[in-house]
Every structure is written in C-alpha cells, then in structure tokens.
Amino acid sequence: MEKLKFEVDINAPAGTVWATMLDDATYREWTSAFSETGSFYEGDWNTGSEIRFLGPDGEGSVGGMIATVEECRPNEFVSLRYLGQIVRGVDDTTSDAAQEFIGARENYSFTEADGVTKVEVEVESVEDWAAMLNETWPVALAKLKDLAEARA
C-alpha cells in the first residue's frame, strides 16, 4: 500500500468544515470530483459504525466501498478502515480485487487556528489507484473549501 497525503486550508471554523465535509448534501457535492455520476454514503460517522460509499457503477447498478469507522472525534478526526467493495450491488470481501485494499485506512484530520481549519487527508492506496487519487483529491478538497467558506 502506498500512503498518499493531501491538505487544504479553509477559512472557516472546524465545526463548519466538519459539517460541510460529512453532511449528506454537501458530501455529494465535493465528492463529485471522484465520480461525475454521483457519490453518496449510507450509514453514519460514529465510531464502530459501518459506512458504505456508493455511486453508479456504469453498468446500471450500484458500486462502491464498505468501511468501518474506527475512530470519530467530532470536528477533529475520523479514521476509516476498508472492509470490502460493492460490485453491481453485491458486497465483495473475498475476490482478489477486494483483498488488495481490505484493511486500508483513510484518515481525515481537522486543525483550527485563528478561524482557519487545516484539513489533512491520509489515504492508503493500491498502486493502480494512486495516480487517480493524486489527481482527484486536490480537486475534491478545492470543492470542499469553496463549499465550507460559502457556509461560514
């Protein structure tokens, strides 16, 4: 696994940035950087919860990832661990493709100083996905910045 890191400074309090990043409606907006056809989640961000990251899979059904929220400290930190993928609407935790990233982590840190919140994202990625993530995370964080600053 390769560790990728991204960050953005947002002119808004941590609570505003947190809500903008994780609330359903605005989550759908900033994550459009990853999928033009839409991205959303089912579940919640509480420690121990299962959360499913979903979107159209291009074949007329839903695809995505399954994760568990390993730690959640509101307005400060969220840690996810991937458990599997969803292919054509079916959970997959046993295929070679799913096994490649099971156990990978994705962490979001929020640090506020003088009304500016730094969001740091750390993603563990398989090599095949690294180039796409290196291109799309900065775009996604720029969208998040615009949304959060408009709400502040």
C-alpha atoms as a PDB file:
ATOM      1  CA  MET A   1       0.000   0.000   0.000  1.00  0.00           C
ATOM      2  CA  GLU A   2       1.117   3.494  -0.788  1.00  0.00           C
ATOM      3  CA  LYS A   3       0.353   6.334   1.648  1.00  0.00           C
ATOM      4  CA  LEU A   4      -0.970   9.463  -0.025  1.00  0.00           C
ATOM      5  CA  LYS A   5      -1.361  12.784   1.778  1.00  0.00           C
ATOM      6  CA  PHE A   6      -3.399  15.836   0.849  1.00  0.00           C
ATOM      7  CA  GLU A   7      -4.247  19.032   2.704  1.00  0.00           C
ATOM      8  CA  VAL A   8      -6.114  22.289   2.326  1.00  0.00           C
ATOM      9  CA  ASP A   9      -6.526  25.402   4.483  1.00  0.00           C
ATOM     10  CA  ILE A  10     -10.144  26.554   4.720  1.00  0.00           C
ATOM     11  CA  ASN A  11     -11.212  29.963   6.016  1.00  0.00           C
ATOM     12  CA  ALA A  12     -13.931  28.590   8.271  1.00  0.00           C
ATOM     13  CA  PRO A  13     -14.208  27.130  11.776  1.00  0.00           C
ATOM     14  CA  ALA A  14     -13.551  23.400  12.197  1.00  0.00           C
ATOM     15  CA  GLY A  15     -17.221  22.730  13.012  1.00  0.00           C
ATOM     16  CA  THR A  16     -18.322  24.282   9.731  1.00  0.00           C
ATOM     17  CA  VAL A  17     -15.701  22.376   7.747  1.00  0.00           C
ATOM     18  CA  TRP A  18     -16.591  19.111   9.517  1.00  0.00           C
ATOM     19  CA  ALA A  19     -20.300  19.541   8.787  1.00  0.00           C
ATOM     20  CA  THR A  20     -19.635  20.508   5.181  1.00  0.00           C
ATOM     21  CA  MET A  21     -17.391  17.511   4.619  1.00  0.00           C
ATOM     22  CA  LEU A  22     -19.629  14.895   6.237  1.00  0.00           C
ATOM     23  CA  ASP A  23     -23.253  16.103   5.876  1.00  0.00           C
ATOM     24  CA  ASP A  24     -25.063  14.159   3.160  1.00  0.00           C
ATOM     25  CA  ALA A  25     -25.963  17.030   0.803  1.00  0.00           C
ATOM     26  CA  THR A  26     -22.561  18.718   0.766  1.00  0.00           C
ATOM     27  CA  TYR A  27     -20.713  15.380   0.804  1.00  0.00           C
ATOM     28  CA  ARG A  28     -22.397  14.636  -2.522  1.00  0.00           C
ATOM     29  CA  GLU A  29     -21.162  17.969  -3.900  1.00  0.00           C
ATOM     30  CA  TRP A  30     -17.474  17.846  -3.011  1.00  0.00           C
ATOM     31  CA  THR A  31     -17.118  14.130  -3.784  1.00  0.00           C
ATOM     32  CA  SER A  32     -18.389  14.724  -7.327  1.00  0.00           C
ATOM     33  CA  ALA A  33     -14.672  15.172  -8.088  1.00  0.00           C
ATOM     34  CA  PHE A  34     -14.352  11.382  -7.774  1.00  0.00           C
ATOM     35  CA  SER A  35     -17.403  10.444  -9.843  1.00  0.00           C
ATOM     36  CA  GLU A  36     -19.270  12.680 -12.273  1.00  0.00           C
ATOM     37  CA  THR A  37     -22.287  10.398 -11.976  1.00  0.00           C
ATOM     38  CA  GLY A  38     -22.536  10.980  -8.231  1.00  0.00           C
ATOM     39  CA  SER A  39     -21.254   9.693  -4.940  1.00  0.00           C
ATOM     40  CA  PHE A  40     -23.022   9.286  -1.615  1.00  0.00           C
ATOM     41  CA  TYR A  41     -22.840   7.253   1.566  1.00  0.00           C
ATOM     42  CA  GLU A  42     -25.163   5.124   3.668  1.00  0.00           C
ATOM     43  CA  GLY A  43     -24.545   4.805   7.383  1.00  0.00           C
ATOM     44  CA  ASP A  44     -23.103   7.253   9.869  1.00  0.00           C
ATOM     45  CA  TRP A  45     -19.754   8.563  11.054  1.00  0.00           C
ATOM     46  CA  ASN A  46     -19.935   7.231  14.632  1.00  0.00           C
ATOM     47  CA  THR A  47     -17.073   5.108  15.976  1.00  0.00           C
ATOM     48  CA  GLY A  48     -17.792   1.439  15.274  1.00  0.00           C
ATOM     49  CA  SER A  49     -20.368   2.096  12.548  1.00  0.00           C
ATOM     50  CA  GLU A  50     -20.290   0.505   9.122  1.00  0.00           C
ATOM     51  CA  ILE A  51     -20.448   3.034   6.305  1.00  0.00           C
ATOM     52  CA  ARG A  52     -20.960   2.351   2.619  1.00  0.00           C
ATOM     53  CA  PHE A  53     -19.589   4.709  -0.048  1.00  0.00           C
ATOM     54  CA  LEU A  54     -21.729   4.328  -3.151  1.00  0.00           C
ATOM     55  CA  GLY A  55     -22.258   5.505  -6.690  1.00  0.00           C
ATOM     56  CA  PRO A  56     -23.421   4.231 -10.075  1.00  0.00           C
ATOM     57  CA  ASP A  57     -21.017   1.560 -11.341  1.00  0.00           C
ATOM     58  CA  GLY A  58     -21.567   2.268 -15.022  1.00  0.00           C
ATOM     59  CA  GLU A  59     -23.482  -0.963 -15.520  1.00  0.00           C
ATOM     60  CA  GLY A  60     -26.841   0.244 -14.261  1.00  0.00           C
ATOM     61  CA  SER A  61     -26.338  -0.762 -10.642  1.00  0.00           C
ATOM     62  CA  VAL A  62     -24.558   0.478  -7.535  1.00  0.00           C
ATOM     63  CA  GLY A  63     -20.876   0.017  -6.784  1.00  0.00           C
ATOM     64  CA  GLY A  64     -18.612   1.268  -4.056  1.00  0.00           C
ATOM     65  CA  MET A  65     -16.697   0.506  -0.907  1.00  0.00           C
ATOM     66  CA  ILE A  66     -17.556  -0.793   2.564  1.00  0.00           C
ATOM     67  CA  ALA A  67     -15.733   0.605   5.586  1.00  0.00           C
ATOM     68  CA  THR A  68     -15.894   0.753   9.337  1.00  0.00           C
ATOM     69  CA  VAL A  69     -15.448   3.980  11.272  1.00  0.00           C
ATOM     70  CA  GLU A  70     -12.542   3.090  13.546  1.00  0.00           C
ATOM     71  CA  GLU A  71     -12.452   6.423  15.344  1.00  0.00           C
ATOM     72  CA  CYS A  72     -14.514   9.586  15.251  1.00  0.00           C
ATOM     73  CA  ARG A  73     -13.779  12.709  17.269  1.00  0.00           C
ATOM     74  CA  PRO A  74     -16.215  15.380  16.009  1.00  0.00           C
ATOM     75  CA  ASN A  75     -14.555  18.450  14.499  1.00  0.00           C
ATOM     76  CA  GLU A  76     -11.103  16.837  14.939  1.00  0.00           C
ATOM     77  CA  PHE A  77     -10.550  13.409  13.388  1.00  0.00           C
ATOM     78  CA  VAL A  78     -12.134  10.485  11.511  1.00  0.00           C
ATOM     79  CA  SER A  79     -10.436   7.179  10.692  1.00  0.00           C
ATOM     80  CA  LEU A  80     -11.913   4.627   8.292  1.00  0.00           C
ATOM     81  CA  ARG A  81     -10.767   1.066   7.569  1.00  0.00           C
ATOM     82  CA  TYR A  82     -11.931  -0.579   4.366  1.00  0.00           C
ATOM     83  CA  LEU A  83     -13.690  -3.960   4.638  1.00  0.00           C
ATOM     84  CA  GLY A  84     -14.585  -4.680   1.030  1.00  0.00           C
ATOM     85  CA  GLN A  85     -16.162  -3.427  -2.143  1.00  0.00           C
ATOM     86  CA  ILE A  86     -19.612  -3.412  -3.682  1.00  0.00           C
ATOM     87  CA  VAL A  87     -19.836  -4.704  -7.246  1.00  0.00           C
ATOM     88  CA  ARG A  88     -23.122  -4.481  -9.167  1.00  0.00           C
ATOM     89  CA  GLY A  89     -24.934  -4.050  -5.861  1.00  0.00           C
ATOM     90  CA  VAL A  90     -23.327  -7.097  -4.190  1.00  0.00           C
ATOM     91  CA  ASP A  91     -20.887  -6.974  -1.266  1.00  0.00           C
ATOM     92  CA  ASP A  92     -17.486  -8.450  -2.137  1.00  0.00           C
ATOM     93  CA  THR A  93     -14.961  -9.214   0.580  1.00  0.00           C
ATOM     94  CA  THR A  94     -13.323 -12.284  -0.947  1.00  0.00           C
ATOM     95  CA  SER A  95     -12.235 -11.537  -4.538  1.00  0.00           C
ATOM     96  CA  ASP A  96      -8.621 -10.726  -5.368  1.00  0.00           C
ATOM     97  CA  ALA A  97      -9.687  -7.160  -6.221  1.00  0.00           C
ATOM     98  CA  ALA A  98     -11.322  -6.692  -2.812  1.00  0.00           C
ATOM     99  CA  GLN A  99      -8.428  -8.333  -0.970  1.00  0.00           C
ATOM    100  CA  GLU A 100      -5.993  -5.784  -2.459  1.00  0.00           C
ATOM    101  CA  PHE A 101      -7.360  -2.939  -0.346  1.00  0.00           C
ATOM    102  CA  ILE A 102      -9.099  -4.600   2.615  1.00  0.00           C
ATOM    103  CA  GLY A 103      -7.583  -3.107   5.751  1.00  0.00           C
ATOM    104  CA  ALA A 104      -6.546   0.122   4.002  1.00  0.00           C
ATOM    105  CA  ARG A 105      -7.131   3.245   6.052  1.00  0.00           C
ATOM    106  CA  GLU A 106      -8.385   6.705   5.217  1.00  0.00           C
ATOM    107  CA  ASN A 107      -7.965   9.441   7.846  1.00  0.00           C
ATOM    108  CA  TYR A 108      -9.277  12.998   7.990  1.00  0.00           C
ATOM    109  CA  SER A 109      -7.781  15.481  10.489  1.00  0.00           C
ATOM    110  CA  PHE A 110      -9.179  18.951  11.219  1.00  0.00           C
ATOM    111  CA  THR A 111      -6.979  21.525  12.977  1.00  0.00           C
ATOM    112  CA  GLU A 112      -8.291  25.063  13.582  1.00  0.00           C
ATOM    113  CA  ALA A 113      -6.180  28.147  14.310  1.00  0.00           C
ATOM    114  CA  ASP A 114      -7.396  31.744  14.109  1.00  0.00           C
ATOM    115  CA  GLY A 115     -10.543  30.800  12.192  1.00  0.00           C
ATOM    116  CA  VAL A 116      -8.677  28.764   9.568  1.00  0.00           C
ATOM    117  CA  THR A 117      -9.086  24.993   9.507  1.00  0.00           C
ATOM    118  CA  LYS A 118      -6.434  22.755   8.009  1.00  0.00           C
ATOM    119  CA  VAL A 119      -7.878  19.541   6.645  1.00  0.00           C
ATOM    120  CA  GLU A 120      -5.345  16.751   6.239  1.00  0.00           C
ATOM    121  CA  VAL A 121      -6.283  13.572   4.402  1.00  0.00           C
ATOM    122  CA  GLU A 122      -4.177  10.414   4.528  1.00  0.00           C
ATOM    123  CA  VAL A 123      -5.158   7.573   2.222  1.00  0.00           C
ATOM    124  CA  GLU A 124      -3.620   4.125   1.881  1.00  0.00           C
ATOM    125  CA  SER A 125      -3.921   3.134  -1.761  1.00  0.00           C
ATOM    126  CA  VAL A 126      -3.000   0.302  -4.057  1.00  0.00           C
ATOM    127  CA  GLU A 127      -0.626   1.391  -6.807  1.00  0.00           C
ATOM    128  CA  ASP A 128      -3.294   1.117  -9.518  1.00  0.00           C
ATOM    129  CA  TRP A 129      -5.409   3.805  -7.863  1.00  0.00           C
ATOM    130  CA  ALA A 130      -2.657   6.208  -6.729  1.00  0.00           C
ATOM    131  CA  ALA A 131      -2.460   8.299  -9.916  1.00  0.00           C
ATOM    132  CA  MET A 132      -6.234   8.851  -9.997  1.00  0.00           C
ATOM    133  CA  LEU A 133      -6.320   9.749  -6.297  1.00  0.00           C
ATOM    134  CA  ASN A 134      -3.386  12.153  -6.689  1.00  0.00           C
ATOM    135  CA  GLU A 135      -5.365  13.949  -9.402  1.00  0.00           C
ATOM    136  CA  THR A 136      -8.813  13.937  -7.808  1.00  0.00           C
ATOM    137  CA  TRP A 137      -8.180  14.592  -4.096  1.00  0.00           C
ATOM    138  CA  PRO A 138      -6.866  18.148  -4.716  1.00  0.00           C
ATOM    139  CA  VAL A 139      -9.939  18.890  -6.867  1.00  0.00           C
ATOM    140  CA  ALA A 140     -12.247  17.443  -4.192  1.00  0.00           C
ATOM    141  CA  LEU A 141     -10.584  19.477  -1.425  1.00  0.00           C
ATOM    142  CA  ALA A 142     -10.874  22.665  -3.510  1.00  0.00           C
ATOM    143  CA  LYS A 143     -14.626  21.982  -3.826  1.00  0.00           C
ATOM    144  CA  LEU A 144     -14.830  21.345  -0.081  1.00  0.00           C
ATOM    145  CA  LYS A 145     -13.015  24.633   0.563  1.00  0.00           C
ATOM    146  CA  ASP A 146     -15.443  26.572  -1.635  1.00  0.00           C
ATOM    147  CA  LEU A 147     -18.496  24.964  -0.008  1.00  0.00           C
ATOM    148  CA  ALA A 148     -17.279  25.450   3.583  1.00  0.00           C
ATOM    149  CA  GLU A 149     -16.174  29.053   3.037  1.00  0.00           C
ATOM    150  CA  ALA A 150     -19.584  29.861   1.487  1.00  0.00           C
ATOM    151  CA  ARG A 151     -21.271  28.447   4.619  1.00  0.00           C
ATOM    152  CA  ALA A 152     -19.003  30.282   7.086  1.00  0.00           C
END
